[in-house]
Structures are given as structure tokens and as C-alpha cells.
Protein backbone atom coordinates (compact mmCIF):
# COMPACT_ATOMS: atom_id res chain seq x y z
CA MET A 1 1.94 24.30 -25.43
CA ALA A 2 5.00 22.95 -23.60
CA TYR A 3 5.12 22.98 -19.82
CA GLU A 4 8.37 22.45 -17.93
CA PHE A 5 7.65 21.21 -14.42
CA LYS A 6 10.34 21.89 -11.79
CA LEU A 7 10.83 20.41 -8.35
CA PRO A 8 8.69 22.67 -6.15
CA ASP A 9 9.48 24.08 -2.74
CA LEU A 10 8.14 21.40 -0.40
CA GLY A 11 8.42 23.57 2.71
CA GLU A 12 9.86 22.66 6.14
CA GLY A 13 13.30 23.85 5.02
CA VAL A 14 13.58 21.10 2.37
CA ARG A 15 16.15 22.10 -0.26
CA GLU A 16 16.36 18.92 -2.33
CA GLY A 17 14.49 15.72 -3.06
CA GLU A 18 15.07 12.25 -4.48
CA ILE A 19 12.98 10.98 -7.38
CA ALA A 20 11.57 7.92 -5.61
CA ARG A 21 9.22 6.76 -8.39
CA TRP A 22 7.77 8.12 -11.62
CA LEU A 23 4.01 7.51 -11.86
CA VAL A 24 3.92 8.29 -15.60
CA GLU A 25 5.97 7.37 -18.66
CA VAL A 26 7.03 9.17 -21.82
CA GLY A 27 4.20 9.37 -24.35
CA GLN A 28 1.46 8.98 -21.77
CA GLU A 29 -1.52 11.36 -21.86
CA ILE A 30 -2.25 12.78 -18.42
CA ALA A 31 -4.85 15.15 -16.98
CA GLU A 32 -4.21 18.01 -14.61
CA ASP A 33 -3.88 16.73 -11.02
CA ASP A 34 -3.13 13.16 -12.13
CA PRO A 35 -0.43 11.50 -9.98
CA LEU A 36 2.92 12.47 -11.53
CA VAL A 37 5.87 11.57 -9.32
CA GLU A 38 6.82 10.50 -5.80
CA ILE A 39 9.51 12.66 -4.16
CA GLN A 40 11.42 11.49 -1.10
CA THR A 41 12.99 14.08 1.18
CA ASP A 42 14.86 13.75 4.46
CA LYS A 43 11.51 14.14 6.21
CA THR A 44 8.91 12.18 4.23
CA THR A 45 7.75 10.87 0.84
CA VAL A 46 5.16 12.94 -1.02
CA GLU A 47 3.15 12.30 -4.18
CA ILE A 48 3.05 15.30 -6.50
CA PRO A 49 0.19 15.72 -8.97
CA SER A 50 0.62 16.99 -12.52
CA PRO A 51 0.22 20.79 -12.77
CA ALA A 52 -0.95 20.54 -16.39
CA ALA A 53 -2.71 18.25 -18.86
CA GLY A 54 -1.02 16.86 -21.96
CA LYS A 55 1.41 14.25 -23.20
CA VAL A 56 4.54 13.44 -21.23
CA ALA A 57 7.19 14.50 -23.73
CA SER A 58 10.35 13.91 -21.71
CA ILE A 59 11.36 12.79 -18.23
CA LEU A 60 14.47 14.79 -17.35
CA VAL A 61 15.52 13.21 -14.03
CA ALA A 62 15.80 9.47 -13.48
CA GLU A 63 14.51 7.57 -10.46
CA GLY A 64 17.04 7.56 -7.65
CA GLU A 65 18.57 10.94 -8.52
CA LEU A 66 18.80 13.63 -5.84
CA VAL A 67 18.17 17.14 -7.16
CA PRO A 68 17.75 20.62 -5.63
CA VAL A 69 14.49 22.57 -5.56
CA GLY A 70 13.92 24.29 -8.91
CA THR A 71 15.40 21.50 -11.05
CA PRO A 72 13.35 20.74 -14.22
CA LEU A 73 11.85 17.27 -13.81
CA VAL A 74 9.56 16.66 -16.77
CA LEU A 75 8.25 18.25 -19.98
CA ILE A 76 4.52 18.03 -20.59
CA GLY A 77 2.94 18.91 -23.95
CA SER A 78 3.04 17.53 -27.48
CA ASP A 79 5.38 20.25 -28.71
CA ALA A 80 7.75 20.07 -25.76
CA VAL A 81 11.40 19.76 -26.72
CA PRO A 82 14.07 18.86 -24.17
CA SER A 83 16.81 21.39 -23.62
CA GLU A 84 20.23 20.80 -25.17
CA PRO A 85 22.38 18.69 -22.85
CA ALA A 86 25.15 20.51 -21.08
CA LYS A 87 28.72 19.82 -22.09
CA ILE A 88 30.32 17.18 -19.91
CA GLN A 89 32.75 18.68 -17.40
CA VAL A 90 35.61 16.29 -16.68
CA THR A 91 39.36 16.46 -16.15
CA PRO A 92 41.85 14.56 -18.32
CA LEU A 93 42.69 12.29 -15.36
CA VAL A 94 39.06 11.32 -14.88
CA ARG A 95 38.72 10.72 -18.65
CA ARG A 96 41.67 8.33 -18.48
CA ILE A 97 40.16 6.47 -15.51
CA ALA A 98 36.83 6.25 -17.36
CA ALA A 99 38.61 4.77 -20.37
CA GLU A 100 40.43 2.22 -18.19
CA LEU A 101 37.18 1.16 -16.52
CA ASP A 102 35.18 1.25 -19.79
CA VAL A 103 32.75 3.84 -18.42
CA ASP A 104 30.59 5.90 -20.81
CA LEU A 105 30.90 9.47 -19.52
CA ASP A 106 27.66 10.45 -21.29
CA ALA A 107 25.83 8.16 -18.88
CA VAL A 108 27.49 9.49 -15.72
CA LYS A 109 25.89 12.17 -13.54
CA GLY A 110 28.50 14.52 -12.10
CA THR A 111 28.35 15.30 -8.39
CA GLY A 112 31.25 17.73 -8.30
CA PRO A 113 31.03 21.55 -8.35
CA GLY A 114 29.00 22.77 -11.32
CA GLY A 115 28.09 19.20 -12.26
CA ARG A 116 31.71 18.15 -12.83
CA ILE A 117 32.24 14.40 -13.05
CA THR A 118 34.59 13.21 -10.32
CA GLU A 119 36.75 10.11 -10.01
CA GLU A 120 34.25 8.75 -7.46
CA ASP A 121 31.40 9.23 -9.97
CA VAL A 122 33.31 7.22 -12.58
CA ARG A 123 34.30 4.43 -10.22
CA GLY A 124 30.73 4.25 -8.95
CA ALA A 125 29.48 3.85 -12.53
CA ALA A 126 31.98 1.14 -13.41
CA ALA A 127 30.61 -2.31 -14.21
CA PRO A 128 30.78 -4.76 -11.29
CA ARG A 129 33.76 -7.06 -11.21
CA GLU A 130 33.62 -10.80 -10.60
CA GLY A 131 32.40 -11.56 -7.09
CA GLU A 132 31.00 -8.05 -6.67
CA ARG A 133 27.41 -6.80 -6.41
CA ARG A 134 26.54 -3.10 -6.46
CA VAL A 135 23.35 -1.51 -5.17
CA PRO A 136 22.56 2.22 -5.54
CA LEU A 137 22.55 4.23 -2.32
CA ARG A 138 18.94 5.38 -2.39
CA GLY A 139 15.98 6.35 -0.26
CA VAL A 140 16.24 6.06 3.51
CA ARG A 141 19.73 4.55 3.30
CA ARG A 142 21.05 7.57 1.37
CA GLN A 143 19.39 9.96 3.83
CA ILE A 144 21.02 8.10 6.71
CA ALA A 145 24.40 8.24 4.98
CA GLU A 146 24.14 11.98 4.33
CA HIS A 147 22.86 12.77 7.82
CA LEU A 148 25.53 10.77 9.60
CA THR A 149 28.28 12.06 7.33
CA ARG A 150 27.22 15.60 8.18
CA SER A 151 27.12 14.76 11.88
CA HIS A 152 30.58 13.20 11.74
CA ARG A 153 32.13 16.09 9.82
CA GLU A 154 30.43 19.04 11.51
CA VAL A 155 30.10 17.94 15.13
CA PRO A 156 33.24 17.82 17.34
CA SER A 157 31.84 14.98 19.42
CA VAL A 158 33.18 13.34 22.55
CA THR A 159 31.86 10.20 24.27
CA VAL A 160 31.88 9.50 27.98
CA VAL A 161 31.04 6.00 29.28
CA GLU A 162 30.02 4.80 32.74
CA GLU A 163 29.04 1.46 34.24
CA CYS A 164 25.53 1.00 35.66
CA ASP A 165 24.36 -1.70 38.06
CA PHE A 166 20.85 -2.71 36.89
CA THR A 167 20.38 -5.51 39.45
CA THR A 168 17.73 -3.79 41.57
CA LEU A 169 15.90 -2.50 38.50
CA ALA A 170 16.06 -5.95 36.86
CA GLN A 171 14.19 -7.38 39.85
CA ALA A 172 11.64 -4.54 40.02
CA ARG A 173 10.77 -3.93 36.36
CA GLY A 174 8.54 -6.97 35.89
CA GLU A 175 7.38 -7.28 32.26
CA ARG A 176 8.59 -3.82 31.28
CA SER A 177 11.76 -3.32 29.29
CA TYR A 178 14.55 -1.13 30.61
CA LEU A 179 13.72 1.61 28.08
CA PRO A 180 10.90 3.47 29.92
CA TYR A 181 13.07 3.65 33.04
CA VAL A 182 15.95 5.01 30.98
CA LEU A 183 13.66 7.59 29.39
CA GLU A 184 12.37 8.68 32.79
CA ALA A 185 15.94 8.99 34.10
CA VAL A 186 17.06 10.88 30.99
CA VAL A 187 14.28 13.46 31.36
CA ALA A 188 15.24 14.02 35.00
CA GLY A 189 18.87 14.40 33.92
CA LEU A 190 17.98 16.87 31.16
CA LYS A 191 16.05 19.01 33.62
CA ALA A 192 19.12 19.15 35.85
CA TYR A 193 21.53 19.74 32.93
CA PRO A 194 19.50 21.75 30.39
CA GLU A 195 22.45 22.38 28.05
CA LEU A 196 22.01 18.79 26.83
CA ASN A 197 18.35 19.38 25.93
CA ALA A 198 19.30 21.74 23.13
CA THR A 199 19.93 22.11 19.42
CA LEU A 200 22.44 24.20 17.52
CA ALA A 201 21.01 26.64 14.97
CA GLY A 202 23.81 28.47 13.17
CA ASN A 203 25.45 30.70 15.75
CA GLU A 204 22.68 30.22 18.30
CA ILE A 205 22.04 27.55 20.91
CA VAL A 206 18.35 26.74 21.28
CA TYR A 207 17.53 25.51 24.79
CA TRP A 208 14.26 23.56 24.85
CA GLU A 209 11.74 23.55 27.65
CA ARG A 210 9.99 20.54 26.13
CA TYR A 211 11.24 16.98 26.35
CA ASP A 212 10.64 15.32 23.00
CA ILE A 213 12.99 12.35 22.95
CA GLY A 214 14.14 10.72 19.73
CA LEU A 215 14.24 6.92 19.79
CA ALA A 216 16.70 5.31 17.40
CA VAL A 217 14.92 2.33 15.80
CA GLN A 218 16.53 -0.18 13.43
CA THR A 219 14.26 -1.04 10.47
CA GLU A 220 14.70 -3.03 7.27
CA GLU A 221 15.25 0.28 5.47
CA GLY A 222 17.82 1.53 7.96
CA LEU A 223 17.94 3.58 11.15
CA VAL A 224 14.86 5.74 11.82
CA VAL A 225 14.40 8.15 14.74
CA PRO A 226 10.74 8.68 15.70
CA VAL A 227 10.01 11.20 18.43
CA LEU A 228 8.34 10.47 21.76
CA ARG A 229 6.60 13.75 22.60
CA GLY A 230 6.23 15.13 26.11
CA ALA A 231 8.27 12.41 27.79
CA ASP A 232 8.23 14.42 31.02
CA GLU A 233 4.43 14.20 31.20
CA LYS A 234 4.11 10.41 30.82
CA SER A 235 4.05 7.58 33.36
CA LEU A 236 6.26 4.53 32.99
CA ASP A 237 3.41 2.58 31.41
CA GLU A 238 2.71 5.43 28.99
CA LEU A 239 6.39 5.72 28.09
CA SER A 240 6.53 1.97 27.46
CA ALA A 241 3.38 1.94 25.32
CA GLU A 242 4.36 4.98 23.26
CA ALA A 243 7.90 3.72 22.67
CA ALA A 244 6.48 0.38 21.48
CA ARG A 245 3.99 2.15 19.19
CA LEU A 246 6.66 4.32 17.61
CA ALA A 247 9.04 1.39 17.12
CA GLU A 248 6.32 -0.70 15.48
CA GLY A 249 5.28 2.21 13.26
CA ALA A 250 8.89 2.88 12.26
CA ARG A 251 9.43 -0.74 11.23
CA ALA A 252 6.13 -0.79 9.32
CA GLY A 253 6.86 2.56 7.65
CA SER A 254 3.49 3.90 8.80
CA LEU A 255 4.54 6.91 10.89
CA GLU A 256 3.54 10.43 9.88
CA ALA A 257 6.26 12.90 8.91
CA GLU A 258 5.53 14.91 12.05
CA GLU A 259 6.45 11.88 14.17
CA LEU A 260 9.97 11.84 12.70
CA ARG A 261 11.16 15.36 13.44
CA GLY A 262 11.62 17.88 16.21
CA SER A 263 13.40 15.80 18.86
CA THR A 264 15.43 17.64 21.50
CA PHE A 265 17.62 14.71 22.63
CA THR A 266 18.00 11.11 21.43
CA VAL A 267 18.25 7.73 23.14
CA THR A 268 19.54 4.68 21.30
CA SER A 269 19.09 1.16 22.65
CA ALA A 270 19.66 -1.96 20.59
CA GLY A 271 19.18 -4.46 23.41
CA ARG A 272 21.44 -7.50 23.08
CA LEU A 273 22.72 -6.05 19.78
CA GLY A 274 23.76 -2.81 21.47
CA GLY A 275 27.31 -3.96 21.98
CA LEU A 276 29.33 -4.05 25.15
CA PHE A 277 30.47 -0.55 24.28
CA ALA A 278 29.80 1.82 21.37
CA THR A 279 30.03 5.53 20.55
CA PRO A 280 26.74 6.67 18.96
CA LEU A 281 26.85 9.72 16.69
CA VAL A 282 25.01 12.86 17.76
CA ASN A 283 21.67 13.24 15.96
CA HIS A 284 22.44 16.65 14.41
CA PRO A 285 21.35 19.39 15.18
CA GLU A 286 20.90 18.02 18.70
CA VAL A 287 23.88 18.25 21.03
CA GLY A 288 23.67 14.94 22.86
CA ILE A 289 22.69 11.28 22.57
CA LEU A 290 22.54 8.57 25.23
CA GLY A 291 23.38 4.97 24.37
CA LEU A 292 22.09 2.00 26.34
CA HIS A 293 24.38 -0.99 25.73
CA ARG A 294 24.15 -4.69 26.48
CA ILE A 295 23.10 -5.59 30.04
CA GLY A 296 24.00 -8.94 31.53
CA PRO A 297 25.48 -10.81 34.49
CA ARG A 298 29.03 -9.68 35.22
CA PRO A 299 31.36 -9.82 38.23
CA ALA A 300 31.17 -6.76 40.45
CA VAL A 301 32.61 -5.77 43.82
CA VAL A 302 29.93 -5.19 46.48
CA ASP A 303 30.97 -4.59 50.10
CA GLY A 304 34.42 -5.93 49.33
CA GLU A 305 33.09 -9.16 47.80
CA VAL A 306 33.05 -10.21 44.13
CA VAL A 307 29.46 -11.11 43.21
CA ALA A 308 27.40 -11.54 40.04
CA ARG A 309 25.36 -8.44 39.17
CA GLU A 310 23.27 -7.28 36.20
CA VAL A 311 25.64 -4.70 34.75
CA GLY A 312 25.62 -2.60 31.59
CA TRP A 313 27.36 0.44 30.20
CA LEU A 314 25.72 3.74 29.37
CA SER A 315 27.35 6.23 27.01
CA CYS A 316 26.75 9.91 26.36
CA THR A 317 28.08 11.41 23.15
CA PHE A 318 27.92 15.21 23.11
CA ASP A 319 28.73 18.20 20.93
CA HIS A 320 31.73 19.77 22.64
CA ARG A 321 30.92 23.18 21.15
CA VAL A 322 27.87 23.37 23.42
CA VAL A 323 28.44 20.91 26.25
CA ASP A 324 31.50 20.69 28.51
CA GLY A 325 32.87 17.28 29.37
CA ALA A 326 32.34 17.71 33.09
CA ARG A 327 28.66 18.57 32.60
CA ALA A 328 28.11 15.61 30.27
CA SER A 329 29.71 13.31 32.84
CA GLU A 330 27.56 14.77 35.62
CA PHE A 331 24.45 14.25 33.47
CA LEU A 332 25.37 10.62 32.79
CA LEU A 333 26.10 9.93 36.47
CA ALA A 334 22.74 11.49 37.42
CA VAL A 335 20.96 9.17 34.96
CA ILE A 336 22.82 6.16 36.39
CA GLU A 337 22.09 7.15 40.00
CA ARG A 338 18.39 7.28 39.25
CA LEU A 339 18.45 3.90 37.48
CA GLN A 340 20.37 2.24 40.31
CA SER A 341 17.94 3.55 42.91
CA ALA A 342 14.76 2.65 40.97
């Protein structure tokens, strides 16, 4: 008897998943609960077992494709017959472009409304030209692209930047990095300006009374944001150790899904790669992100004299729907005041 297996509801508000890797092939005999497929979502990668025993008759979705919950993925059973393919939806203009680029429309997956093939779909399927190498946008990189595109389109963001004199802190921090001090100062700032420790849920603003700070970490797979829980309850040494653990786990890909969600505010620090000045994007649905940029010796005026000081810029990008510019500036100045008096 044929069994059509569809992408199940994976919970946690997940509405779609990417076929990361098939663990079976057409014609293979499998038992119930045998590993079937790996699905990657915006939260984690899960291995799904087969719901039935039988022969894999047809794999309906290729690796790398992103499909919504409820999409048929595979047919299991010796008498399973794939459904008739849907008629290709494409405009005359797109057909002409496909002909010019020698693209087989039967092999193109449409991303437009109702599965319509768009000009972008055709150009993306075109054979590489001389001096060109194409790599599919998949996995973590695709999730990053979709998340940041959504943040850019949906969030009316504004960035405010201020200079911070780290000289005193540079002398006092010893072997510690600047990050735990920044985290401590950020928590104090969020307590004073609670509208920045919030997320936007539809038409509601959710103000958080916990301080779970996202830490933007660059990995080989792309940017990952693990969450440092209860930052307000940790000492400087504990903040330093936990930040290091999360960064190491993010780069190794060993963090649990729970460690990658639920942040209330985000801090991004790329050290010497942080740039003299940058405008980080808000980590949607949060309403604010603080950027720590390159710190180094620069001329500064102290008591009317030009002297060399350890100076860096801090930025705060905020969702202007929730946070007013004056409040964001006051928050940033409060963070800087604490860092300069450490």
C-alpha cells in the first residue's frame, strides 16, 4: 500500500523546512522508524524517521529545497505512483529569457506566487559563464539571508553612534576581553531603558524582565547568534566564560537549539574586524542591537591637551516603531558612561 509522507509540523512556530540530506534512495527497502531525512529549519536540524515500512518509490523534493509544512516529500510502498506534475506557470517574457539563456523550464522550481517561475528563477538556473562559479544558497547561509532580508524590509531602523574612551578599562581588564564589561554595561542600560529589552509580536510590544543577551558569532557557516541567559545574574568572570563557551560551541556547530533562540537584545563584537564604524541590523523580532567596533590608540583631547587614548565607537541600531531616538541615545550614553568609569 502506498504511503505519502508529508513534511510534519515541527513545532516552535516552524512553518517550513529545508531538505538538508536524504538518508535513503529510490528503490531502497526501509523499516518503520529507519532514518529517512534530515530537515533544517531556522532553529535547528532534525532527523526524521520513516513513518512506514516499504520500498522508497519516489523522492518528491530534492536536497536544498525549502518547502512549507504539509508538502509531500516521499512515496513509500511498492505500488506508490507519483502524482502528475503540475503544469509549468511562466509568462511569455520569462520563456523568452529562458530560451536566450538555454534554461530547461522543466528543471526550474518556481518561487513566485502559486509556483510561478520568475525571471530570477531562470537566471539563477542559467549555466555559469566563463570566469563565474555558482553555489546554491543553502542551509545556515540561506537562513541568514532570509532573516536579514526580513529585518531590512520590515524594521524601520535607525543607528546612533558615540565615541567611548576605553583607556581606563584597557588598563584594568587584565586578561579579560572587553566583551564581559560591555555585557555588564548593556544589562545596566537595559534596566534603565526597558523599551530596548523588548520584542515586537504583531501589534504588541513584549517587554522582558529577563536579560538573555544574543551574541553575534561569525562561523564558517555564517553568522550565528547564541544566547547568554541571565546576564544580569552573572559576574564578570562568569560572563566571560559563558560568552567563550557559546562562541566555541557556535563555531563547532555543537550548540543545542534552545541555546540559539529567545534572546531579548543582541550585542555584536567582531574585535579588530568590527570596523571603525558599522550599522548592524536589528535581530528581528528584537528592537535593538549594540555594536562594539574596533578599539585602538587615537588622538583625543583631555584637559585641553591632545593625547593618545584607547578609543572605540559603539553603535546602537533600534526599531523606531518601538524606541525613540532620544531614548536610544540615552541608553548608549549610559552604557558608555559605565564603561569609561569601570
